[in-house]
Amino acid sequence: MHFTTVPGKVEVGVKDLDTLFDRTLPPTYPHTGPMLNRAVAKFLVDSVREQRRTPEVEVTVALQTSPLGGEEEAIRRAQMNSFFANEAELAALDLRVNRTEGLGSLRFAIPLVVLAGLVAGALYVNLGTSSAVDYLTALAYLVFITVVWVMLWDPIEKLLFDSYFIRLQSRALRKLATAKIAFVYR
């Protein structure tokens, strides 16, 4: 296998169709046909994600076999487009689940953060005159502030960071689902 990429174009060189499609594994949800080789699929998705400013992408599959018939090429193009359309559907589902889990974590975290803030505020206001008491009060305050940070981290990560990368992958998969796919023979 060889992989090359230039802006707007991605080329995958494989020995034959059996190298392009993994026929050893049964199709998994939501796919109904042969699965695209994992290395090929990962390269295509990552290349399109890298070229996210390019509005369209062309995929060239270089085969080291005798030319396929026109109908066979059309079937393989449709299989590849269908594979990426199904993967885009899964990415959209992943985005919805991620959002639901993030909001669920936030609903759980907000009351605990408020409680930790009240306790931390009470500790900060009631500083004692003894240095040992001051030290323990400051330590307890830092523990509660850490609890606040930890409780908010999961929802923030899901809602801001993870969703961004899922959207990038979803856009790349949608581009690949509509990509022009050409077969060349070497």
N, C-alpha and C. Protein backbone atom coordinates (compact mmCIF):
# COMPACT_ATOMS: atom_id res chain seq x y z
N MET A 1 0.84 -1.18 0.00
CA MET A 1 0.00 0.00 0.00
C MET A 1 0.88 1.25 0.00
N HIS A 2 0.42 2.23 -0.71
CA HIS A 2 1.06 3.53 -0.62
C HIS A 2 -0.02 4.61 -0.58
N PHE A 3 0.28 5.67 0.14
CA PHE A 3 -0.67 6.75 0.33
C PHE A 3 0.01 8.06 -0.03
N THR A 4 -0.68 8.89 -0.80
CA THR A 4 -0.18 10.23 -1.09
C THR A 4 -1.34 11.21 -1.00
N THR A 5 -0.99 12.44 -0.69
CA THR A 5 -2.02 13.46 -0.58
C THR A 5 -1.48 14.81 -1.06
N VAL A 6 -2.31 15.53 -1.77
CA VAL A 6 -2.07 16.91 -2.15
C VAL A 6 -3.38 17.63 -1.90
N PRO A 7 -3.37 18.94 -1.76
CA PRO A 7 -4.63 19.65 -1.47
C PRO A 7 -5.75 19.28 -2.44
N GLY A 8 -6.84 18.79 -1.88
CA GLY A 8 -8.01 18.44 -2.67
C GLY A 8 -7.97 17.05 -3.28
N LYS A 9 -6.85 16.36 -3.17
CA LYS A 9 -6.73 15.03 -3.77
C LYS A 9 -6.02 14.08 -2.82
N VAL A 10 -6.52 12.87 -2.77
CA VAL A 10 -5.92 11.82 -1.96
C VAL A 10 -5.80 10.58 -2.83
N GLU A 11 -4.62 9.95 -2.80
CA GLU A 11 -4.43 8.73 -3.59
C GLU A 11 -4.04 7.58 -2.67
N VAL A 12 -4.69 6.46 -2.92
CA VAL A 12 -4.41 5.24 -2.19
C VAL A 12 -3.99 4.19 -3.22
N GLY A 13 -2.81 3.63 -3.04
CA GLY A 13 -2.33 2.58 -3.93
C GLY A 13 -2.41 1.24 -3.23
N VAL A 14 -3.15 0.32 -3.82
CA VAL A 14 -3.30 -1.02 -3.24
C VAL A 14 -3.09 -2.07 -4.32
N LYS A 15 -2.83 -3.27 -3.88
CA LYS A 15 -2.57 -4.37 -4.81
C LYS A 15 -3.81 -4.73 -5.63
N ASP A 16 -4.93 -4.91 -4.92
CA ASP A 16 -6.17 -5.32 -5.60
C ASP A 16 -7.36 -4.94 -4.73
N LEU A 17 -8.56 -5.32 -5.17
CA LEU A 17 -9.76 -4.99 -4.41
C LEU A 17 -9.80 -5.68 -3.06
N ASP A 18 -9.21 -6.86 -2.97
CA ASP A 18 -9.18 -7.56 -1.68
C ASP A 18 -8.32 -6.82 -0.66
N THR A 19 -7.37 -6.02 -1.11
CA THR A 19 -6.57 -5.20 -0.22
C THR A 19 -7.34 -3.94 0.16
N LEU A 20 -8.13 -3.43 -0.76
CA LEU A 20 -8.93 -2.23 -0.52
C LEU A 20 -10.07 -2.50 0.46
N PHE A 21 -10.74 -3.62 0.28
CA PHE A 21 -11.85 -4.00 1.13
C PHE A 21 -11.43 -5.18 2.00
N ASP A 22 -11.81 -5.14 3.25
CA ASP A 22 -11.50 -6.23 4.17
C ASP A 22 -12.66 -7.20 4.15
N ARG A 23 -12.51 -8.28 3.43
CA ARG A 23 -13.59 -9.26 3.29
C ARG A 23 -13.53 -10.35 4.36
N THR A 24 -12.53 -10.28 5.24
CA THR A 24 -12.40 -11.31 6.27
C THR A 24 -13.35 -11.05 7.44
N LEU A 25 -13.71 -9.80 7.65
CA LEU A 25 -14.61 -9.46 8.75
C LEU A 25 -16.03 -9.28 8.23
N PRO A 26 -17.02 -9.72 9.01
CA PRO A 26 -18.40 -9.46 8.60
C PRO A 26 -18.72 -7.97 8.75
N PRO A 27 -19.64 -7.46 7.96
CA PRO A 27 -20.02 -6.04 8.10
C PRO A 27 -20.56 -5.76 9.50
N THR A 28 -20.24 -4.60 10.03
CA THR A 28 -20.76 -4.19 11.33
C THR A 28 -21.72 -3.03 11.13
N TYR A 29 -22.58 -2.83 12.10
CA TYR A 29 -23.58 -1.78 12.02
C TYR A 29 -22.91 -0.44 11.74
N PRO A 30 -23.42 0.35 10.87
CA PRO A 30 -24.59 0.22 10.02
C PRO A 30 -24.25 -0.26 8.61
N HIS A 31 -23.08 -0.82 8.43
CA HIS A 31 -22.64 -1.25 7.10
C HIS A 31 -23.34 -2.55 6.69
N THR A 32 -23.57 -2.65 5.38
CA THR A 32 -24.20 -3.87 4.86
C THR A 32 -23.29 -4.60 3.89
N GLY A 33 -22.28 -3.94 3.39
CA GLY A 33 -21.37 -4.55 2.42
C GLY A 33 -20.00 -4.74 3.02
N PRO A 34 -19.03 -5.06 2.17
CA PRO A 34 -17.67 -5.26 2.68
C PRO A 34 -17.12 -3.97 3.30
N MET A 35 -16.36 -4.17 4.35
CA MET A 35 -15.77 -3.04 5.07
C MET A 35 -14.52 -2.57 4.34
N LEU A 36 -14.30 -1.28 4.33
CA LEU A 36 -13.08 -0.72 3.76
C LEU A 36 -11.92 -1.08 4.69
N ASN A 37 -10.78 -1.36 4.12
CA ASN A 37 -9.59 -1.67 4.90
C ASN A 37 -9.36 -0.56 5.92
N ARG A 38 -9.11 -0.92 7.18
CA ARG A 38 -8.98 0.07 8.26
C ARG A 38 -7.88 1.09 8.00
N ALA A 39 -6.74 0.63 7.51
CA ALA A 39 -5.63 1.55 7.26
C ALA A 39 -6.00 2.54 6.16
N VAL A 40 -6.66 2.05 5.13
CA VAL A 40 -7.08 2.91 4.02
C VAL A 40 -8.10 3.93 4.52
N ALA A 41 -9.11 3.46 5.27
CA ALA A 41 -10.15 4.36 5.78
C ALA A 41 -9.55 5.42 6.70
N LYS A 42 -8.66 5.01 7.58
CA LYS A 42 -8.03 5.97 8.50
C LYS A 42 -7.22 7.02 7.75
N PHE A 43 -6.45 6.56 6.76
CA PHE A 43 -5.66 7.51 5.97
C PHE A 43 -6.57 8.50 5.26
N LEU A 44 -7.63 8.02 4.63
CA LEU A 44 -8.53 8.91 3.90
C LEU A 44 -9.18 9.93 4.83
N VAL A 45 -9.71 9.46 5.96
CA VAL A 45 -10.38 10.37 6.89
C VAL A 45 -9.39 11.39 7.46
N ASP A 46 -8.22 10.92 7.89
CA ASP A 46 -7.24 11.84 8.47
C ASP A 46 -6.72 12.84 7.44
N SER A 47 -6.56 12.41 6.19
CA SER A 47 -6.11 13.32 5.14
C SER A 47 -7.14 14.40 4.87
N VAL A 48 -8.40 14.03 4.85
CA VAL A 48 -9.46 15.02 4.60
C VAL A 48 -9.61 15.94 5.81
N ARG A 49 -9.45 15.40 7.01
CA ARG A 49 -9.48 16.25 8.21
C ARG A 49 -8.35 17.27 8.17
N GLU A 50 -7.18 16.84 7.71
CA GLU A 50 -6.04 17.74 7.62
C GLU A 50 -6.29 18.85 6.60
N GLN A 51 -7.00 18.52 5.53
CA GLN A 51 -7.32 19.49 4.47
C GLN A 51 -8.72 20.07 4.67
N ARG A 52 -9.08 20.41 5.89
CA ARG A 52 -10.46 20.80 6.18
C ARG A 52 -10.90 22.07 5.47
N ARG A 53 -9.99 22.88 5.00
CA ARG A 53 -10.36 24.10 4.29
C ARG A 53 -10.72 23.83 2.82
N THR A 54 -10.38 22.65 2.33
CA THR A 54 -10.70 22.28 0.95
C THR A 54 -12.17 21.87 0.89
N PRO A 55 -12.97 22.52 0.02
CA PRO A 55 -14.41 22.22 0.01
C PRO A 55 -14.76 20.81 -0.51
N GLU A 56 -13.97 20.30 -1.41
CA GLU A 56 -14.23 18.98 -1.99
C GLU A 56 -12.94 18.19 -2.02
N VAL A 57 -13.09 16.89 -2.15
CA VAL A 57 -11.93 16.03 -2.23
C VAL A 57 -12.14 15.00 -3.34
N GLU A 58 -11.07 14.70 -4.01
CA GLU A 58 -11.09 13.64 -5.02
C GLU A 58 -10.22 12.50 -4.50
N VAL A 59 -10.74 11.30 -4.61
CA VAL A 59 -10.02 10.12 -4.15
C VAL A 59 -9.63 9.30 -5.37
N THR A 60 -8.36 8.95 -5.45
CA THR A 60 -7.87 8.09 -6.52
C THR A 60 -7.42 6.78 -5.89
N VAL A 61 -7.94 5.70 -6.43
CA VAL A 61 -7.54 4.37 -5.98
C VAL A 61 -6.70 3.76 -7.09
N ALA A 62 -5.43 3.56 -6.81
CA ALA A 62 -4.51 2.98 -7.80
C ALA A 62 -4.41 1.48 -7.52
N LEU A 63 -4.88 0.70 -8.48
CA LEU A 63 -4.85 -0.76 -8.35
C LEU A 63 -3.74 -1.33 -9.22
N GLN A 64 -3.13 -2.39 -8.74
CA GLN A 64 -2.08 -3.07 -9.50
C GLN A 64 -2.66 -4.33 -10.17
N THR A 65 -3.86 -4.19 -10.70
CA THR A 65 -4.52 -5.32 -11.36
C THR A 65 -4.97 -4.87 -12.75
N SER A 66 -5.54 -5.81 -13.46
CA SER A 66 -6.11 -5.43 -14.75
C SER A 66 -7.34 -4.58 -14.50
N PRO A 67 -7.68 -3.71 -15.45
CA PRO A 67 -8.79 -2.78 -15.23
C PRO A 67 -10.12 -3.48 -14.94
N LEU A 68 -10.87 -2.86 -14.05
CA LEU A 68 -12.22 -3.34 -13.75
C LEU A 68 -13.16 -2.85 -14.84
N GLY A 69 -14.25 -3.53 -14.99
CA GLY A 69 -15.27 -3.07 -15.93
C GLY A 69 -15.95 -1.83 -15.38
N GLY A 70 -16.61 -1.11 -16.25
CA GLY A 70 -17.29 0.13 -15.85
C GLY A 70 -18.32 -0.10 -14.76
N GLU A 71 -19.07 -1.19 -14.89
CA GLU A 71 -20.09 -1.50 -13.89
C GLU A 71 -19.46 -1.87 -12.55
N GLU A 72 -18.38 -2.65 -12.60
CA GLU A 72 -17.67 -3.03 -11.37
C GLU A 72 -17.09 -1.80 -10.67
N GLU A 73 -16.52 -0.87 -11.43
CA GLU A 73 -16.00 0.36 -10.83
C GLU A 73 -17.12 1.15 -10.16
N ALA A 74 -18.27 1.23 -10.81
CA ALA A 74 -19.41 1.97 -10.26
C ALA A 74 -19.87 1.33 -8.94
N ILE A 75 -19.87 0.01 -8.91
CA ILE A 75 -20.27 -0.70 -7.68
C ILE A 75 -19.28 -0.39 -6.55
N ARG A 76 -17.99 -0.43 -6.86
CA ARG A 76 -16.96 -0.18 -5.83
C ARG A 76 -16.98 1.28 -5.36
N ARG A 77 -17.24 2.21 -6.29
CA ARG A 77 -17.38 3.62 -5.91
C ARG A 77 -18.55 3.78 -4.94
N ALA A 78 -19.67 3.17 -5.30
CA ALA A 78 -20.87 3.26 -4.46
C ALA A 78 -20.61 2.63 -3.08
N GLN A 79 -19.86 1.52 -3.04
CA GLN A 79 -19.54 0.90 -1.75
C GLN A 79 -18.69 1.83 -0.90
N MET A 80 -17.71 2.47 -1.51
CA MET A 80 -16.85 3.38 -0.74
C MET A 80 -17.64 4.58 -0.25
N ASN A 81 -18.46 5.18 -1.13
CA ASN A 81 -19.28 6.32 -0.72
C ASN A 81 -20.26 5.92 0.39
N SER A 82 -20.84 4.75 0.25
CA SER A 82 -21.78 4.25 1.26
C SER A 82 -21.07 4.02 2.60
N PHE A 83 -19.87 3.47 2.53
CA PHE A 83 -19.10 3.24 3.76
C PHE A 83 -18.90 4.55 4.51
N PHE A 84 -18.48 5.59 3.81
CA PHE A 84 -18.23 6.87 4.47
C PHE A 84 -19.52 7.56 4.89
N ALA A 85 -20.61 7.37 4.14
CA ALA A 85 -21.90 7.93 4.55
C ALA A 85 -22.36 7.27 5.85
N ASN A 86 -22.18 5.96 5.96
CA ASN A 86 -22.54 5.26 7.20
C ASN A 86 -21.67 5.70 8.36
N GLU A 87 -20.38 5.89 8.11
CA GLU A 87 -19.48 6.36 9.16
C GLU A 87 -19.84 7.78 9.58
N ALA A 88 -20.28 8.61 8.63
CA ALA A 88 -20.73 9.98 8.97
C ALA A 88 -21.97 9.93 9.85
N GLU A 89 -22.85 8.98 9.55
CA GLU A 89 -24.05 8.80 10.38
C GLU A 89 -23.65 8.41 11.80
N LEU A 90 -22.68 7.52 11.93
CA LEU A 90 -22.20 7.13 13.26
C LEU A 90 -21.53 8.29 13.99
N ALA A 91 -20.79 9.12 13.26
CA ALA A 91 -20.15 10.28 13.88
C ALA A 91 -21.20 11.28 14.37
N ALA A 92 -22.27 11.45 13.60
CA ALA A 92 -23.34 12.35 14.03
C ALA A 92 -24.02 11.80 15.29
N LEU A 93 -24.20 10.49 15.35
CA LEU A 93 -24.75 9.87 16.55
C LEU A 93 -23.80 10.06 17.73
N ASP A 94 -22.52 9.90 17.49
CA ASP A 94 -21.52 10.09 18.53
C ASP A 94 -21.56 11.53 19.06
N LEU A 95 -21.77 12.49 18.19
CA LEU A 95 -21.86 13.88 18.60
C LEU A 95 -23.08 14.11 19.49
N ARG A 96 -24.22 13.51 19.10
CA ARG A 96 -25.43 13.66 19.91
C ARG A 96 -25.27 13.00 21.29
N VAL A 97 -24.69 11.81 21.31
CA VAL A 97 -24.47 11.11 22.58
C VAL A 97 -23.49 11.90 23.45
N ASN A 98 -22.44 12.43 22.85
CA ASN A 98 -21.45 13.22 23.57
C ASN A 98 -22.11 14.45 24.21
N ARG A 99 -22.97 15.10 23.46
CA ARG A 99 -23.67 16.28 23.98
C ARG A 99 -24.58 15.90 25.14
N THR A 100 -25.32 14.80 24.98
CA THR A 100 -26.21 14.33 26.04
C THR A 100 -25.43 13.99 27.31
N GLU A 101 -24.31 13.28 27.15
CA GLU A 101 -23.50 12.92 28.31
C GLU A 101 -22.87 14.16 28.96
N GLY A 102 -22.44 15.11 28.16
CA GLY A 102 -21.85 16.33 28.70
C GLY A 102 -22.86 17.13 29.51
N LEU A 103 -24.08 17.27 28.98
CA LEU A 103 -25.11 18.00 29.71
C LEU A 103 -25.52 17.23 30.97
N GLY A 104 -25.55 15.89 30.87
CA GLY A 104 -25.85 15.08 32.05
C GLY A 104 -24.79 15.25 33.12
N SER A 105 -23.53 15.26 32.73
CA SER A 105 -22.44 15.49 33.70
C SER A 105 -22.55 16.88 34.31
N LEU A 106 -22.92 17.84 33.50
CA LEU A 106 -23.04 19.21 33.99
C LEU A 106 -24.17 19.33 35.01
N ARG A 107 -25.30 18.63 34.75
CA ARG A 107 -26.42 18.66 35.71
C ARG A 107 -26.01 18.06 37.05
N PHE A 108 -25.14 17.05 37.00
CA PHE A 108 -24.65 16.42 38.21
C PHE A 108 -23.60 17.30 38.89
N ALA A 109 -22.77 17.95 38.09
CA ALA A 109 -21.64 18.70 38.62
C ALA A 109 -22.05 20.03 39.25
N ILE A 110 -23.03 20.71 38.68
CA ILE A 110 -23.36 22.06 39.16
C ILE A 110 -23.77 22.08 40.63
N PRO A 111 -24.66 21.19 41.10
CA PRO A 111 -24.98 21.23 42.53
C PRO A 111 -23.76 20.93 43.42
N LEU A 112 -22.92 20.00 43.00
CA LEU A 112 -21.73 19.69 43.79
C LEU A 112 -20.74 20.85 43.79
N VAL A 113 -20.63 21.53 42.68
CA VAL A 113 -19.74 22.69 42.60
C VAL A 113 -20.26 23.81 43.50
N VAL A 114 -21.56 24.02 43.49
CA VAL A 114 -22.14 25.05 44.36
C VAL A 114 -21.89 24.71 45.82
N LEU A 115 -22.12 23.44 46.19
CA LEU A 115 -21.87 23.01 47.56
C LEU A 115 -20.40 23.17 47.93
N ALA A 116 -19.51 22.74 47.05
CA ALA A 116 -18.07 22.88 47.32
C ALA A 116 -17.69 24.36 47.43
N GLY A 117 -18.29 25.20 46.60
CA GLY A 117 -18.01 26.64 46.67
C GLY A 117 -18.48 27.24 47.99
N LEU A 118 -19.65 26.81 48.46
CA LEU A 118 -20.14 27.31 49.76
C LEU A 118 -19.23 26.88 50.90
N VAL A 119 -18.81 25.60 50.86
CA VAL A 119 -17.91 25.12 51.90
C VAL A 119 -16.57 25.84 51.82
N ALA A 120 -16.04 25.98 50.61
CA ALA A 120 -14.75 26.67 50.44
C ALA A 120 -14.86 28.12 50.90
N GLY A 121 -15.98 28.77 50.57
CA GLY A 121 -16.19 30.16 51.01
C GLY A 121 -16.25 30.27 52.52
N ALA A 122 -16.95 29.32 53.16
CA ALA A 122 -17.04 29.33 54.62
C ALA A 122 -15.68 29.11 55.24
N LEU A 123 -14.88 28.22 54.65
CA LEU A 123 -13.53 27.99 55.18
C LEU A 123 -12.65 29.21 55.00
N TYR A 124 -12.79 29.88 53.88
CA TYR A 124 -11.94 31.04 53.60
C TYR A 124 -12.29 32.21 54.53
N VAL A 125 -13.57 32.38 54.79
CA VAL A 125 -14.02 33.49 55.63
C VAL A 125 -13.65 33.25 57.09
N ASN A 126 -13.73 32.00 57.55
CA ASN A 126 -13.49 31.68 58.96
C ASN A 126 -12.04 31.31 59.22
N LEU A 127 -11.13 32.14 58.80
CA LEU A 127 -9.73 31.88 59.09
C LEU A 127 -9.48 32.09 60.58
N GLY A 128 -8.82 31.13 61.19
CA GLY A 128 -8.51 31.22 62.63
C GLY A 128 -7.28 32.07 62.87
N THR A 129 -6.97 32.23 64.13
CA THR A 129 -5.79 33.00 64.48
C THR A 129 -4.56 32.12 64.62
N SER A 130 -4.74 30.84 64.82
CA SER A 130 -3.62 29.92 64.99
C SER A 130 -3.04 29.56 63.63
N SER A 131 -1.74 29.42 63.54
CA SER A 131 -1.11 29.09 62.27
C SER A 131 -1.45 27.68 61.82
N ALA A 132 -1.63 26.73 62.73
CA ALA A 132 -2.02 25.37 62.34
C ALA A 132 -3.44 25.37 61.78
N VAL A 133 -4.31 26.12 62.39
CA VAL A 133 -5.69 26.23 61.91
C VAL A 133 -5.70 26.91 60.54
N ASP A 134 -4.89 27.96 60.39
CA ASP A 134 -4.80 28.65 59.09
C ASP A 134 -4.33 27.69 58.00
N TYR A 135 -3.34 26.88 58.34
CA TYR A 135 -2.79 25.92 57.38
C TYR A 135 -3.85 24.89 56.97
N LEU A 136 -4.56 24.32 57.95
CA LEU A 136 -5.59 23.32 57.65
C LEU A 136 -6.76 23.93 56.89
N THR A 137 -7.11 25.15 57.24
CA THR A 137 -8.20 25.84 56.53
C THR A 137 -7.80 26.09 55.07
N ALA A 138 -6.59 26.53 54.85
CA ALA A 138 -6.12 26.77 53.48
C ALA A 138 -6.05 25.47 52.70
N LEU A 139 -5.61 24.40 53.36
CA LEU A 139 -5.55 23.09 52.70
C LEU A 139 -6.95 22.61 52.33
N ALA A 140 -7.90 22.74 53.24
CA ALA A 140 -9.28 22.34 52.94
C ALA A 140 -9.85 23.18 51.80
N TYR A 141 -9.55 24.47 51.80
CA TYR A 141 -10.00 25.36 50.72
C TYR A 141 -9.46 24.88 49.37
N LEU A 142 -8.17 24.54 49.32
CA LEU A 142 -7.58 24.05 48.06
C LEU A 142 -8.19 22.72 47.63
N VAL A 143 -8.50 21.85 48.59
CA VAL A 143 -9.14 20.58 48.26
C VAL A 143 -10.52 20.83 47.63
N PHE A 144 -11.28 21.73 48.21
CA PHE A 144 -12.60 22.01 47.65
C PHE A 144 -12.52 22.68 46.28
N ILE A 145 -11.57 23.56 46.09
CA ILE A 145 -11.38 24.18 44.78
C ILE A 145 -11.00 23.12 43.74
N THR A 146 -10.18 22.15 44.14
CA THR A 146 -9.80 21.06 43.24
C THR A 146 -11.02 20.22 42.89
N VAL A 147 -11.88 19.97 43.87
CA VAL A 147 -13.12 19.23 43.61
C VAL A 147 -13.96 19.98 42.59
N VAL A 148 -14.05 21.27 42.71
CA VAL A 148 -14.81 22.08 41.75
C VAL A 148 -14.22 21.90 40.35
N TRP A 149 -12.93 22.00 40.24
CA TRP A 149 -12.28 21.86 38.93
C TRP A 149 -12.51 20.48 38.33
N VAL A 150 -12.36 19.44 39.15
CA VAL A 150 -12.55 18.07 38.67
C VAL A 150 -14.00 17.85 38.24
N MET A 151 -14.95 18.35 38.99
CA MET A 151 -16.36 18.16 38.66
C MET A 151 -16.74 18.86 37.36
N LEU A 152 -16.11 19.96 37.07
CA LEU A 152 -16.44 20.68 35.83
C LEU A 152 -15.65 20.19 34.62
N TRP A 153 -14.57 19.46 34.84
CA TRP A 153 -13.71 19.08 33.73
C TRP A 153 -14.43 18.18 32.72
N ASP A 154 -15.14 17.15 33.19
CA ASP A 154 -15.79 16.21 32.26
C ASP A 154 -16.81 16.90 31.36
N PRO A 155 -17.74 17.69 31.91
CA PRO A 155 -18.68 18.37 30.99
C PRO A 155 -18.00 19.34 30.05
N ILE A 156 -17.00 20.06 30.54
CA ILE A 156 -16.30 21.01 29.66
C ILE A 156 -15.59 20.26 28.54
N GLU A 157 -14.94 19.16 28.89
CA GLU A 157 -14.24 18.37 27.87
C GLU A 157 -15.21 17.84 26.84
N LYS A 158 -16.33 17.30 27.27
CA LYS A 158 -17.31 16.74 26.33
C LYS A 158 -17.95 17.81 25.46
N LEU A 159 -18.37 18.90 26.09
CA LEU A 159 -19.12 19.92 25.35
C LEU A 159 -18.25 20.80 24.46
N LEU A 160 -17.01 21.05 24.86
CA LEU A 160 -16.16 21.93 24.07
C LEU A 160 -15.13 21.19 23.23
N PHE A 161 -14.31 20.39 23.88
CA PHE A 161 -13.17 19.80 23.18
C PHE A 161 -13.55 18.59 22.33
N ASP A 162 -14.19 17.59 22.94
CA ASP A 162 -14.53 16.37 22.20
C ASP A 162 -15.47 16.67 21.04
N SER A 163 -16.46 17.52 21.27
CA SER A 163 -17.42 17.79 20.21
C SER A 163 -16.76 18.46 19.00
N TYR A 164 -15.74 19.26 19.24
CA TYR A 164 -15.03 19.90 18.13
C TYR A 164 -14.38 18.85 17.24
N PHE A 165 -13.69 17.89 17.83
CA PHE A 165 -13.00 16.87 17.04
C PHE A 165 -13.98 15.90 16.39
N ILE A 166 -15.09 15.64 17.04
CA ILE A 166 -16.11 14.78 16.43
C ILE A 166 -16.71 15.49 15.21
N ARG A 167 -16.93 16.80 15.33
CA ARG A 167 -17.46 17.56 14.18
C ARG A 167 -16.47 17.56 13.02
N LEU A 168 -15.17 17.69 13.31
CA LEU A 168 -14.17 17.64 12.24
C LEU A 168 -14.21 16.29 11.53
N GLN A 169 -14.31 15.23 12.30
CA GLN A 169 -14.37 13.90 11.68
C GLN A 169 -15.66 13.73 10.89
N SER A 170 -16.76 14.21 11.42
CA SER A 170 -18.04 14.10 10.72
C SER A 170 -18.00 14.84 9.38
N ARG A 171 -17.42 16.04 9.38
CA ARG A 171 -17.30 16.80 8.12
C ARG A 171 -16.42 16.06 7.11
N ALA A 172 -15.32 15.49 7.59
CA ALA A 172 -14.44 14.74 6.69
C ALA A 172 -15.17 13.53 6.12
N LEU A 173 -15.94 12.84 6.93
CA LEU A 173 -16.68 11.67 6.45
C LEU A 173 -17.75 12.07 5.44
N ARG A 174 -18.42 13.19 5.68
CA ARG A 174 -19.43 13.64 4.71
C ARG A 174 -18.77 14.02 3.38
N LYS A 175 -17.59 14.64 3.45
CA LYS A 175 -16.86 14.96 2.21
C LYS A 175 -16.50 13.68 1.46
N LEU A 176 -16.03 12.68 2.19
CA LEU A 176 -15.66 11.41 1.55
C LEU A 176 -16.89 10.68 1.02
N ALA A 177 -18.04 10.85 1.66
CA ALA A 177 -19.26 10.20 1.18
C ALA A 177 -19.70 10.76 -0.16
N THR A 178 -19.33 12.01 -0.43
CA THR A 178 -19.71 12.63 -1.71
C THR A 178 -18.52 12.82 -2.64
N ALA A 179 -17.39 12.26 -2.27
CA ALA A 179 -16.17 12.46 -3.05
C ALA A 179 -16.25 11.78 -4.41
N LYS A 180 -15.56 12.39 -5.36
CA LYS A 180 -15.40 11.77 -6.66
C LYS A 180 -14.29 10.73 -6.51
N ILE A 181 -14.60 9.49 -6.85
CA ILE A 181 -13.63 8.40 -6.70
C ILE A 181 -13.25 7.89 -8.08
N ALA A 182 -11.96 7.88 -8.35
CA ALA A 182 -11.47 7.40 -9.65
C ALA A 182 -10.56 6.21 -9.44
N PHE A 183 -10.63 5.26 -10.33
CA PHE A 183 -9.74 4.10 -10.30
C PHE A 183 -8.71 4.26 -11.41
N VAL A 184 -7.45 4.05 -11.05
CA VAL A 184 -6.38 4.03 -12.05
C VAL A 184 -5.65 2.70 -11.89
N TYR A 185 -4.99 2.29 -12.95
CA TYR A 185 -4.34 0.98 -12.96
C TYR A 185 -2.87 1.13 -13.29
N ARG A 186 -2.03 0.48 -12.53
CA ARG A 186 -0.59 0.59 -12.73
C ARG A 186 0.02 -0.77 -12.83
